[in-house]
Amino acid sequence: MTVYFVGAGLGTPSSLTLEAWTCLQQAQVVLYDALLSPSLLELTPADCLRVAVGKRAGAEAIPQLEINRLLVAYGQQYQRVVRLKSGDPGLFGRLHQELEAVLGAGLEAVVIAGVSSALAAPLLAGICVTAKDVSQSVAILSGHAPETLPWPAIARMETLIFLMATRSLRYIAEALLRQGRSPTEGLAILQWAGQPQQQFWFGTLESYLQSPQFPDMAPAVVVIGAIARKRYPLASLDLVFPEFLRISPSSMSALHGKTILVTRAAAQASDFTQQLTAAGATVLEMPTLEIVPPSSWQPLDQALAQLDTFDWLILTSHNAVTFFMKRLHSHGKDSRALAGLKIAVVGEKTAQTLNRYGLVADFTPREFVADALVVEFPEPVAGLRFLFPRVEKGGRPVLGEAFTAAGAEVVEVPAYNSRCPQTVDAPVLAALQAGQVDIVTFTSSKTVKHFCQLVGPQAAELLQNVQIASIGPQTSQTCRELLGRVDTEATEHTLEGLLQALLRIT
């Protein structure tokens, strides 16, 4: 029985080491931190037990002793328990306390290093933390208790990197100025580095202290020193914000004061939630989908045994990619088995998920809807054979019907299924009943149907004074059928497009 302490790097699959990726795919239990993308948990087996033990500033946290107890308890019941930590486990991760608990209980422990945000975040922002004639020394510090730090010694270091410091940054800046650091010293605040909602601010100690207001920046890495003003134009700088004094705090809080109810798959809501929170909203999550394996793997297994007979593989969702690739791997195969196939995908998210497996789509329609795949397909389909792994129940038949009508052979196989959760969170239902929700978002027809199933006959009545936001035409149609209306629809049928639609109606 072994407990694996795994560093998740910047919290997304793309920042995992290969060893960490492999460990997650074999996990029986995962105890995971906050700040991690839900897509990391999707790398674990479908029957893996997932336990959230994350700590966030200002929020109620699970005590460290309780986390230690859970590690020992699960470690005594299961063969492979993973403790998934942000960044590197050994840097401000309380690894020593958890190791002592596990080893003291007679369990084995393995530590898998991760890429720390202290070094990765500056690189993503175009900052090299050491450079000849600029910075020969670097100190990595915690901002939790700045009053306890040895400021005379710290002030002599050329580059300072602070983690967990956004709440104490004013104290830190003033302490450095008292020790003789220049007011024009460079200061970079790197929020959510490596994740879709990353945002970077650049300025000086002086410009930060002169800013009367500033948006909530946690979680962020703070870089202080001359090196913070020497940035290179890397591709990730597309999301960089201008200097401190030119930032409008109101632009960072367009949804301030709004309570938004997010309905989506249980393990897939948090990314969108983080974007809404960054825009100032209060977010309630109501899972309306559970993504599970199909009732039988036999049809997909038969197709995998005949991959060389297909011309195209069609993947229309993140779930289709994930379940298809996991099943492929379970047969001892990898992406090389798809070398003779062309791959068509619908949606940027689907394409990104495919990229994580080292594959690039041969065709992606300009519009992120399945109908566009048929209309814009890049070659005549007559005589071609298509493999279409899809949801087992409830999906639209338009792709199979259209390609078949055009002379193609389409083999549709269930790769996953989605079902309605059995219960709804009582606090969420209470908020709806009390009229405390301003906007509800729906990302598929199933989320609408399952919302109505969970809430019951009162669904339309509960949303009478709530704005209804839809991700696309089919979802909007279902909203009108079951709820009587839709108030806004995303122009681009993605979560990013849905966010933009929400910003337009506020």
Protein backbone atom coordinates (compact mmCIF):
# COMPACT_ATOMS: atom_id res chain seq x y z
CA MET A 1 0.00 0.00 0.00
CA THR A 2 1.60 3.22 -1.24
CA VAL A 3 0.78 6.92 -1.04
CA TYR A 4 2.08 8.93 -3.99
CA PHE A 5 2.72 12.64 -3.41
CA VAL A 6 2.36 14.13 -6.89
CA GLY A 7 3.24 17.67 -7.98
CA ALA A 8 0.63 19.01 -10.44
CA GLY A 9 2.78 21.86 -11.70
CA LEU A 10 0.61 24.78 -12.83
CA GLY A 11 -2.50 22.69 -12.31
CA THR A 12 -3.28 21.62 -15.89
CA PRO A 13 -2.54 18.36 -17.75
CA SER A 14 -0.04 20.12 -20.01
CA SER A 15 2.17 21.01 -17.02
CA LEU A 16 2.30 17.48 -15.58
CA THR A 17 5.40 15.36 -15.81
CA LEU A 18 5.01 12.05 -17.64
CA GLU A 19 5.51 10.25 -14.32
CA ALA A 20 2.69 12.26 -12.72
CA TRP A 21 0.39 11.62 -15.69
CA THR A 22 0.99 7.87 -15.45
CA CYS A 23 0.45 7.86 -11.70
CA LEU A 24 -2.94 9.60 -12.01
CA GLN A 25 -4.12 7.10 -14.60
CA GLN A 26 -3.53 4.27 -12.12
CA ALA A 27 -4.91 5.96 -8.99
CA GLN A 28 -7.61 4.37 -6.85
CA VAL A 29 -8.02 7.42 -4.60
CA VAL A 30 -6.98 11.04 -5.22
CA LEU A 31 -6.88 13.68 -2.48
CA TYR A 32 -6.47 16.93 -4.38
CA ASP A 33 -5.70 20.57 -3.68
CA ALA A 34 -7.56 23.67 -4.78
CA LEU A 35 -6.28 25.63 -7.83
CA LEU A 36 -6.19 22.50 -9.99
CA SER A 37 -8.01 22.19 -13.31
CA PRO A 38 -10.84 19.59 -13.22
CA SER A 39 -9.28 18.10 -16.35
CA LEU A 40 -6.56 16.63 -14.12
CA LEU A 41 -9.15 14.50 -12.34
CA GLU A 42 -10.43 13.29 -15.70
CA LEU A 43 -7.08 11.54 -16.16
CA THR A 44 -7.97 9.20 -13.31
CA PRO A 45 -9.97 5.98 -13.83
CA ALA A 46 -13.75 6.35 -13.87
CA ASP A 47 -14.06 4.47 -10.58
CA CYS A 48 -11.36 6.49 -8.81
CA LEU A 49 -12.47 8.07 -5.52
CA ARG A 50 -11.82 11.84 -5.66
CA VAL A 51 -11.56 13.76 -2.39
CA ALA A 52 -11.20 17.57 -2.30
CA VAL A 53 -8.92 18.75 0.53
CA GLY A 54 -7.83 22.10 -0.93
CA LYS A 55 -7.24 25.22 1.13
CA ARG A 56 -8.03 28.72 -0.09
CA ALA A 57 -7.46 31.98 1.72
CA GLY A 58 -10.65 33.35 3.29
CA ALA A 59 -12.50 30.05 2.92
CA GLU A 60 -13.19 27.31 5.43
CA ALA A 61 -10.40 24.77 5.15
CA ILE A 62 -9.95 21.13 6.08
CA PRO A 63 -7.47 21.07 9.01
CA GLN A 64 -4.06 19.65 8.21
CA LEU A 65 -4.46 16.95 10.88
CA GLU A 66 -7.63 15.79 9.15
CA ILE A 67 -5.82 15.59 5.79
CA ASN A 68 -3.09 13.53 7.48
CA ARG A 69 -5.75 11.23 8.94
CA LEU A 70 -7.45 10.77 5.56
CA LEU A 71 -4.15 9.90 3.89
CA VAL A 72 -3.46 7.20 6.44
CA ALA A 73 -7.04 5.87 6.38
CA TYR A 74 -7.18 5.60 2.58
CA GLY A 75 -3.61 4.32 2.47
CA GLN A 76 -4.59 1.42 4.70
CA GLN A 77 -7.57 0.52 2.47
CA TYR A 78 -6.22 1.03 -1.08
CA GLN A 79 -3.07 0.04 -2.95
CA ARG A 80 -2.52 3.33 -4.83
CA VAL A 81 -3.47 6.59 -3.13
CA VAL A 82 -2.44 9.87 -4.76
CA ARG A 83 -2.01 13.13 -2.88
CA LEU A 84 -2.19 15.68 -5.70
CA LYS A 85 -0.57 18.99 -4.82
CA SER A 86 -0.22 22.25 -6.74
CA GLY A 87 3.25 23.09 -8.03
CA ASP A 88 5.99 21.04 -6.42
CA PRO A 89 5.07 19.08 -3.27
CA GLY A 90 8.20 20.18 -1.43
CA LEU A 91 7.71 23.94 -1.81
CA PHE A 92 5.26 25.40 0.75
CA GLY A 93 3.17 22.24 0.36
CA ARG A 94 3.31 20.87 3.94
CA LEU A 95 4.83 17.75 2.46
CA HIS A 96 6.90 17.00 5.55
CA GLN A 97 3.81 16.83 7.79
CA GLU A 98 1.96 14.48 5.47
CA LEU A 99 5.04 12.31 4.89
CA GLU A 100 5.56 11.91 8.62
CA ALA A 101 1.93 10.82 9.06
CA VAL A 102 2.10 8.28 6.22
CA LEU A 103 5.50 6.84 7.11
CA GLY A 104 4.60 6.80 10.80
CA ALA A 105 1.62 4.59 9.97
CA GLY A 106 3.91 2.05 8.28
CA LEU A 107 2.83 2.92 4.73
CA GLU A 108 5.15 3.38 1.77
CA ALA A 109 5.54 6.84 0.22
CA VAL A 110 6.69 8.00 -3.21
CA VAL A 111 7.25 11.67 -4.12
CA ILE A 112 6.87 12.79 -7.74
CA ALA A 113 8.28 16.27 -8.31
CA GLY A 114 6.28 18.98 -10.04
CA VAL A 115 7.09 22.23 -11.82
CA SER A 116 6.75 25.06 -9.31
CA SER A 117 4.77 28.14 -10.30
CA ALA A 118 7.52 30.17 -8.64
CA LEU A 119 9.70 29.50 -11.69
CA ALA A 120 7.17 28.56 -14.38
CA ALA A 121 4.89 31.60 -13.99
CA PRO A 122 7.66 34.17 -14.62
CA LEU A 123 8.72 32.29 -17.74
CA LEU A 124 5.17 32.32 -19.09
CA ALA A 125 5.16 36.08 -18.56
CA GLY A 126 8.43 36.49 -20.45
CA ILE A 127 10.58 36.93 -17.34
CA CYS A 128 13.87 35.05 -16.83
CA VAL A 129 14.42 35.14 -13.07
CA THR A 130 18.20 35.18 -13.52
CA ALA A 131 20.12 37.09 -16.17
CA LYS A 132 23.73 38.18 -16.48
CA ASP A 133 24.34 41.69 -15.08
CA VAL A 134 20.70 41.91 -13.90
CA SER A 135 20.07 39.14 -11.38
CA GLN A 136 22.48 36.57 -9.98
CA SER A 137 20.39 35.63 -6.94
CA VAL A 138 16.78 34.56 -6.36
CA ALA A 139 14.82 34.12 -3.14
CA ILE A 140 11.49 32.25 -3.04
CA LEU A 141 9.35 33.29 -0.07
CA SER A 142 5.88 32.82 1.41
CA GLY A 143 3.74 35.90 1.87
CA HIS A 144 1.57 34.36 4.59
CA ALA A 145 3.32 36.01 7.55
CA PRO A 146 5.55 38.78 6.18
CA GLU A 147 6.07 40.33 9.61
CA THR A 148 8.19 37.29 10.57
CA LEU A 149 10.60 37.54 7.62
CA PRO A 150 14.22 38.84 7.92
CA TRP A 151 13.75 41.95 5.79
CA PRO A 152 17.35 43.30 5.94
CA ALA A 153 18.64 40.04 4.44
CA ILE A 154 15.77 39.72 1.97
CA ALA A 155 16.27 43.26 0.67
CA ARG A 156 19.82 42.38 -0.41
CA MET A 157 18.59 39.66 -2.80
CA GLU A 158 18.32 40.83 -6.40
CA THR A 159 15.15 38.93 -7.38
CA LEU A 160 12.35 38.13 -4.95
CA ILE A 161 9.58 35.66 -5.76
CA PHE A 162 6.61 35.56 -3.38
CA LEU A 163 3.91 32.90 -3.28
CA MET A 164 0.61 33.39 -1.44
CA ALA A 165 1.35 37.10 -1.12
CA THR A 166 -1.49 39.03 -2.77
CA ARG A 167 -3.17 39.82 0.56
CA SER A 168 0.09 41.01 2.12
CA LEU A 169 1.64 42.69 -0.92
CA ARG A 170 1.23 46.22 0.38
CA TYR A 171 3.07 45.27 3.57
CA ILE A 172 5.83 43.62 1.50
CA ALA A 173 6.27 46.63 -0.79
CA GLU A 174 6.46 49.04 2.15
CA ALA A 175 8.94 46.79 4.00
CA LEU A 176 11.25 46.72 0.98
CA LEU A 177 11.12 50.50 0.61
CA ARG A 178 12.04 50.87 4.28
CA GLN A 179 15.09 48.71 3.62
CA GLY A 180 16.24 50.99 0.80
CA ARG A 181 14.83 49.32 -2.31
CA SER A 182 13.99 51.80 -5.05
CA PRO A 183 10.37 52.92 -5.60
CA THR A 184 10.93 52.19 -9.31
CA GLU A 185 11.80 48.56 -8.58
CA GLY A 186 10.00 46.29 -11.02
CA LEU A 187 6.91 44.41 -9.77
CA ALA A 188 5.01 41.69 -11.68
CA ILE A 189 1.84 39.98 -10.47
CA LEU A 190 1.16 36.75 -12.36
CA GLN A 191 -2.33 35.37 -11.70
CA TRP A 192 -3.51 31.85 -12.67
CA ALA A 193 -0.33 31.35 -14.74
CA GLY A 194 -0.62 28.55 -17.28
CA GLN A 195 -4.41 28.34 -17.02
CA PRO A 196 -6.94 29.75 -19.52
CA GLN A 197 -7.84 32.67 -17.24
CA GLN A 198 -4.23 33.77 -16.65
CA GLN A 199 -3.69 37.53 -16.26
CA PHE A 200 -0.46 39.44 -15.75
CA TRP A 201 0.13 42.90 -14.31
CA PHE A 202 3.41 44.83 -14.57
CA GLY A 203 4.49 47.97 -12.75
CA THR A 204 6.71 49.17 -9.92
CA LEU A 205 6.59 49.16 -6.13
CA GLU A 206 5.60 52.81 -6.29
CA SER A 207 2.82 52.41 -8.86
CA TYR A 208 1.33 49.52 -6.90
CA LEU A 209 1.27 51.50 -3.64
CA GLN A 210 -0.30 54.48 -5.40
CA SER A 211 -3.16 52.37 -6.78
CA PRO A 212 -6.17 53.07 -4.51
CA GLN A 213 -8.05 49.99 -5.71
CA PHE A 214 -7.04 46.69 -7.19
CA PRO A 215 -8.99 43.53 -8.14
CA ASP A 216 -8.60 40.32 -6.19
CA MET A 217 -5.46 38.80 -7.67
CA ALA A 218 -5.21 35.47 -5.83
CA PRO A 219 -3.79 33.03 -6.67
CA ALA A 220 -0.72 34.73 -8.02
CA VAL A 221 3.07 34.67 -8.12
CA VAL A 222 4.72 38.02 -7.34
CA VAL A 223 8.12 38.89 -8.83
CA ILE A 224 10.06 41.90 -7.49
CA GLY A 225 13.36 43.20 -8.86
CA ALA A 226 14.96 44.71 -11.92
CA ILE A 227 14.34 41.49 -13.77
CA ALA A 228 10.57 42.09 -13.57
CA ARG A 229 11.02 45.02 -15.98
CA LYS A 230 13.02 43.00 -18.49
CA ARG A 231 10.38 40.99 -20.33
CA TYR A 232 10.62 39.08 -23.57
CA PRO A 233 7.76 38.99 -26.12
CA LEU A 234 6.72 35.36 -25.71
CA ALA A 235 3.43 34.12 -27.16
CA SER A 236 1.76 33.95 -23.75
CA LEU A 237 1.99 37.73 -23.46
CA ASP A 238 -1.21 37.99 -25.49
CA LEU A 239 -3.16 38.13 -22.20
CA VAL A 240 -0.90 40.66 -20.46
CA PHE A 241 -2.60 43.71 -18.97
CA PRO A 242 -1.04 47.20 -19.18
CA GLU A 243 0.68 49.13 -16.39
CA PHE A 244 -0.97 49.33 -12.97
CA LEU A 245 -2.27 52.87 -13.19
CA ARG A 246 -3.88 52.25 -16.58
CA ILE A 247 -5.95 49.27 -15.43
CA SER A 248 -9.62 49.96 -14.81
CA PRO A 249 -10.75 47.93 -11.80
CA SER A 250 -14.31 48.04 -13.14
CA SER A 251 -13.23 46.10 -16.23
CA MET A 252 -12.20 43.28 -13.91
CA SER A 253 -15.57 43.16 -12.16
CA ALA A 254 -18.18 43.36 -14.91
CA LEU A 255 -20.31 40.76 -13.13
CA HIS A 256 -19.85 42.23 -9.67
CA GLY A 257 -22.91 41.71 -7.50
CA LYS A 258 -24.38 39.02 -9.79
CA THR A 259 -25.07 35.49 -8.56
CA ILE A 260 -24.73 32.99 -11.39
CA LEU A 261 -25.88 29.39 -11.29
CA VAL A 262 -23.67 27.13 -13.42
CA THR A 263 -25.21 23.86 -14.61
CA ARG A 264 -22.73 21.46 -16.12
CA ALA A 265 -21.03 18.10 -15.65
CA ALA A 266 -19.99 17.46 -12.06
CA ALA A 267 -16.25 17.38 -12.81
CA GLN A 268 -16.23 20.07 -15.50
CA ALA A 269 -17.71 23.22 -13.99
CA SER A 270 -14.77 24.69 -12.10
CA ASP A 271 -12.83 26.20 -15.03
CA PHE A 272 -15.87 28.22 -16.08
CA THR A 273 -16.57 29.08 -12.44
CA GLN A 274 -13.08 30.52 -12.06
CA GLN A 275 -13.57 32.76 -15.10
CA LEU A 276 -16.89 34.04 -13.76
CA THR A 277 -15.39 34.64 -10.34
CA ALA A 278 -12.53 36.59 -11.92
CA ALA A 279 -15.16 38.81 -13.55
CA GLY A 280 -16.65 39.56 -10.12
CA ALA A 281 -19.58 37.12 -9.96
CA THR A 282 -20.71 34.96 -7.07
CA VAL A 283 -21.03 31.46 -8.52
CA LEU A 284 -23.18 28.54 -7.44
CA GLU A 285 -22.46 25.17 -9.06
CA MET A 286 -25.30 22.74 -9.71
CA PRO A 287 -24.05 19.56 -11.41
CA THR A 288 -26.69 18.39 -13.86
CA LEU A 289 -24.62 15.77 -15.65
CA GLU A 290 -22.60 12.78 -14.52
CA ILE A 291 -20.22 11.46 -17.18
CA VAL A 292 -19.82 7.67 -16.93
CA PRO A 293 -18.63 4.76 -19.12
CA PRO A 294 -21.11 3.28 -21.61
CA SER A 295 -23.26 0.31 -20.63
CA SER A 296 -21.02 -1.90 -22.80
CA TRP A 297 -17.55 -1.44 -24.27
CA GLN A 298 -18.06 -4.14 -26.89
CA PRO A 299 -19.00 -1.91 -29.87
CA LEU A 300 -16.05 0.43 -29.27
CA ASP A 301 -13.69 -2.49 -28.69
CA GLN A 302 -14.73 -4.03 -32.01
CA ALA A 303 -14.09 -0.71 -33.75
CA LEU A 304 -10.66 -0.37 -32.12
CA ALA A 305 -9.75 -3.80 -33.44
CA GLN A 306 -10.55 -2.58 -36.99
CA LEU A 307 -9.04 0.90 -37.00
CA ASP A 308 -7.27 0.29 -40.31
CA THR A 309 -10.67 -0.06 -42.06
CA PHE A 310 -11.72 3.54 -41.31
CA ASP A 311 -10.86 6.72 -43.21
CA TRP A 312 -11.93 9.31 -40.62
CA LEU A 313 -12.36 9.48 -36.86
CA ILE A 314 -14.98 12.02 -35.73
CA LEU A 315 -14.76 13.47 -32.21
CA THR A 316 -17.34 16.06 -31.20
CA SER A 317 -16.64 16.61 -27.50
CA HIS A 318 -14.00 16.63 -24.79
CA ASN A 319 -15.62 13.53 -23.29
CA ALA A 320 -15.51 11.66 -26.58
CA VAL A 321 -11.76 12.29 -26.88
CA THR A 322 -11.03 11.36 -23.27
CA PHE A 323 -13.01 8.11 -23.16
CA PHE A 324 -11.90 7.05 -26.65
CA MET A 325 -8.21 7.56 -25.87
CA LYS A 326 -8.44 5.89 -22.46
CA ARG A 327 -10.09 2.87 -24.04
CA LEU A 328 -7.42 2.81 -26.75
CA HIS A 329 -4.72 2.84 -24.06
CA SER A 330 -6.48 0.04 -22.16
CA HIS A 331 -5.88 -2.15 -25.23
CA GLY A 332 -2.15 -1.48 -25.05
CA LYS A 333 -2.24 1.00 -27.94
CA ASP A 334 -1.36 4.68 -28.17
CA SER A 335 -1.78 7.51 -30.69
CA ARG A 336 0.40 5.66 -33.22
CA ALA A 337 -2.55 3.30 -33.78
CA LEU A 338 -4.37 6.25 -35.39
CA ALA A 339 -1.64 6.99 -37.94
CA GLY A 340 -3.77 5.84 -40.87
CA LEU A 341 -6.81 7.89 -39.84
CA LYS A 342 -7.74 11.49 -40.43
CA ILE A 343 -9.37 13.15 -37.45
CA ALA A 344 -12.20 15.69 -37.48
CA VAL A 345 -13.23 17.49 -34.30
CA VAL A 346 -15.93 19.97 -33.32
CA GLY A 347 -14.92 22.80 -31.02
CA GLU A 348 -11.73 24.34 -29.70
CA LYS A 349 -12.03 22.52 -26.36
CA THR A 350 -12.21 19.19 -28.20
CA ALA A 351 -9.16 20.10 -30.27
CA GLN A 352 -7.22 21.09 -27.14
CA THR A 353 -8.10 17.81 -25.43
CA LEU A 354 -6.89 15.95 -28.52
CA ASN A 355 -3.62 17.90 -28.41
CA ARG A 356 -2.93 16.58 -24.90
CA TYR A 357 -2.61 13.12 -26.42
CA GLY A 358 -0.08 14.35 -28.98
CA LEU A 359 -2.62 14.50 -31.81
CA VAL A 360 -3.64 17.37 -34.11
CA ALA A 361 -7.00 17.42 -35.85
CA ASP A 362 -6.98 17.31 -39.64
CA PHE A 363 -10.20 19.30 -39.80
CA THR A 364 -12.08 21.60 -37.43
CA PRO A 365 -15.11 23.53 -38.74
CA ARG A 366 -15.17 27.29 -38.27
CA GLU A 367 -18.36 27.10 -36.22
CA PHE A 368 -18.27 25.05 -33.05
CA VAL A 369 -21.43 23.03 -33.82
CA ALA A 370 -21.81 19.54 -35.27
CA ASP A 371 -23.90 20.77 -38.22
CA ALA A 372 -20.94 22.82 -39.45
CA LEU A 373 -18.82 19.67 -39.64
CA VAL A 374 -21.19 18.30 -42.30
CA VAL A 375 -21.50 21.54 -44.27
CA GLU A 376 -17.78 22.41 -44.27
CA PHE A 377 -16.29 18.93 -44.62
CA PRO A 378 -13.09 19.21 -46.70
CA GLU A 379 -13.64 16.32 -49.14
CA PRO A 380 -16.45 14.34 -50.78
CA VAL A 381 -17.65 11.71 -48.30
CA ALA A 382 -19.15 9.17 -50.71
CA GLY A 383 -17.41 5.83 -50.23
CA LEU A 384 -15.59 6.89 -47.05
CA ARG A 385 -15.86 5.01 -43.77
CA PHE A 386 -16.26 7.05 -40.56
CA LEU A 387 -15.79 5.99 -36.94
CA PHE A 388 -17.92 8.14 -34.65
CA PRO A 389 -17.46 7.51 -30.88
CA ARG A 390 -20.23 9.41 -29.14
CA VAL A 391 -22.51 9.66 -26.13
CA GLU A 392 -24.58 6.52 -25.66
CA LYS A 393 -27.96 8.18 -25.18
CA GLY A 394 -29.46 11.53 -26.07
CA GLY A 395 -27.11 12.82 -28.75
CA ARG A 396 -28.37 14.34 -31.99
CA PRO A 397 -28.33 12.04 -35.06
CA VAL A 398 -27.55 14.80 -37.57
CA LEU A 399 -23.93 13.76 -38.29
CA GLY A 400 -24.60 10.10 -38.95
CA GLU A 401 -27.69 10.80 -41.01
CA ALA A 402 -26.08 13.51 -43.14
CA PHE A 403 -22.92 11.55 -43.93
CA THR A 404 -24.91 8.39 -44.64
CA ALA A 405 -27.21 10.31 -46.99
CA ALA A 406 -24.12 11.54 -48.84
CA GLY A 407 -22.89 7.99 -49.44
CA ALA A 408 -20.56 7.42 -46.50
CA GLU A 409 -20.59 4.53 -44.04
CA VAL A 410 -20.79 5.77 -40.46
CA VAL A 411 -20.07 3.43 -37.55
CA GLU A 412 -21.46 5.04 -34.40
CA VAL A 413 -20.26 3.48 -31.14
CA PRO A 414 -20.99 4.53 -27.54
CA ALA A 415 -17.82 5.83 -25.86
CA TYR A 416 -19.41 7.32 -22.75
CA ASN A 417 -22.77 8.12 -21.27
CA SER A 418 -24.21 11.05 -19.37
CA ARG A 419 -26.91 10.78 -16.75
CA CYS A 420 -28.78 12.98 -14.36
CA PRO A 421 -27.43 13.15 -10.78
CA GLN A 422 -29.76 11.68 -8.19
CA THR A 423 -29.94 14.74 -5.95
CA VAL A 424 -29.58 18.51 -6.07
CA ASP A 425 -27.53 20.43 -3.51
CA ALA A 426 -29.92 21.78 -0.88
CA PRO A 427 -28.18 25.21 -0.58
CA VAL A 428 -28.42 25.74 -4.35
CA LEU A 429 -32.11 24.87 -4.40
CA ALA A 430 -32.69 27.14 -1.41
CA ALA A 431 -30.95 30.03 -3.21
CA LEU A 432 -33.24 29.54 -6.22
CA GLN A 433 -36.33 29.41 -4.04
CA ALA A 434 -35.26 32.55 -2.18
CA GLY A 435 -34.78 34.51 -5.43
CA GLN A 436 -31.03 34.90 -4.84
CA VAL A 437 -29.94 33.81 -8.34
CA ASP A 438 -29.59 36.42 -11.13
CA ILE A 439 -28.44 34.29 -14.06
CA VAL A 440 -28.47 30.57 -14.89
CA THR A 441 -26.23 29.09 -17.60
CA PHE A 442 -26.89 26.00 -19.69
CA THR A 443 -24.20 24.34 -21.82
CA SER A 444 -26.22 21.59 -23.52
CA SER A 445 -29.76 20.40 -23.99
CA LYS A 446 -29.15 17.72 -21.38
CA THR A 447 -28.22 20.29 -18.75
CA VAL A 448 -31.61 21.93 -19.34
CA LYS A 449 -33.52 18.64 -19.21
CA HIS A 450 -31.72 17.42 -16.11
CA PHE A 451 -32.15 20.79 -14.39
CA CYS A 452 -35.90 20.47 -14.87
CA GLN A 453 -35.78 16.86 -13.70
CA LEU A 454 -33.86 17.77 -10.53
CA VAL A 455 -35.88 20.86 -9.66
CA GLY A 456 -39.22 19.43 -10.68
CA PRO A 457 -42.40 21.07 -12.05
CA GLN A 458 -41.47 24.38 -10.42
CA ALA A 459 -38.42 24.87 -12.71
CA ALA A 460 -39.90 27.53 -14.99
CA GLU A 461 -41.51 29.34 -12.07
CA LEU A 462 -38.22 29.44 -10.12
CA LEU A 463 -36.49 31.03 -13.13
CA GLN A 464 -39.22 33.61 -13.73
CA ASN A 465 -36.96 36.48 -12.59
CA VAL A 466 -33.68 34.80 -13.57
CA GLN A 467 -31.89 35.50 -16.87
CA ILE A 468 -31.31 32.31 -18.87
CA ALA A 469 -28.03 32.07 -20.82
CA SER A 470 -27.46 29.35 -23.44
CA ILE A 471 -24.28 28.16 -25.13
CA GLY A 472 -25.84 27.53 -28.55
CA PRO A 473 -28.90 27.02 -30.79
CA GLN A 474 -29.85 23.48 -29.72
CA THR A 475 -29.56 24.36 -26.04
CA SER A 476 -31.65 27.49 -26.64
CA GLN A 477 -34.33 25.44 -28.36
CA THR A 478 -34.56 23.12 -25.35
CA CYS A 479 -34.74 26.15 -23.02
CA ARG A 480 -37.72 27.48 -24.96
CA GLU A 481 -39.44 24.09 -24.95
CA LEU A 482 -39.03 23.41 -21.22
CA LEU A 483 -38.58 26.84 -19.65
CA GLY A 484 -40.49 29.06 -22.07
CA ARG A 485 -37.64 31.36 -23.08
CA VAL A 486 -33.93 32.09 -23.37
CA ASP A 487 -32.50 35.56 -22.70
CA THR A 488 -29.08 35.35 -24.31
CA GLU A 489 -27.17 32.93 -26.52
CA ALA A 490 -23.41 32.71 -27.07
CA THR A 491 -22.32 33.87 -30.52
CA GLU A 492 -19.34 31.52 -30.37
CA HIS A 493 -20.62 28.25 -28.97
CA THR A 494 -17.91 27.74 -26.36
CA LEU A 495 -17.57 28.53 -22.66
CA GLU A 496 -15.55 31.60 -23.61
CA GLY A 497 -18.38 32.65 -25.91
CA LEU A 498 -20.88 32.07 -23.12
CA LEU A 499 -18.82 34.28 -20.81
CA GLN A 500 -18.87 37.05 -23.42
CA ALA A 501 -22.65 36.67 -23.73
CA LEU A 502 -22.97 37.12 -19.95
CA LEU A 503 -20.86 40.25 -20.06
CA ARG A 504 -23.16 41.69 -22.75
CA ILE A 505 -26.35 41.30 -20.70
CA THR A 506 -25.00 42.91 -17.51
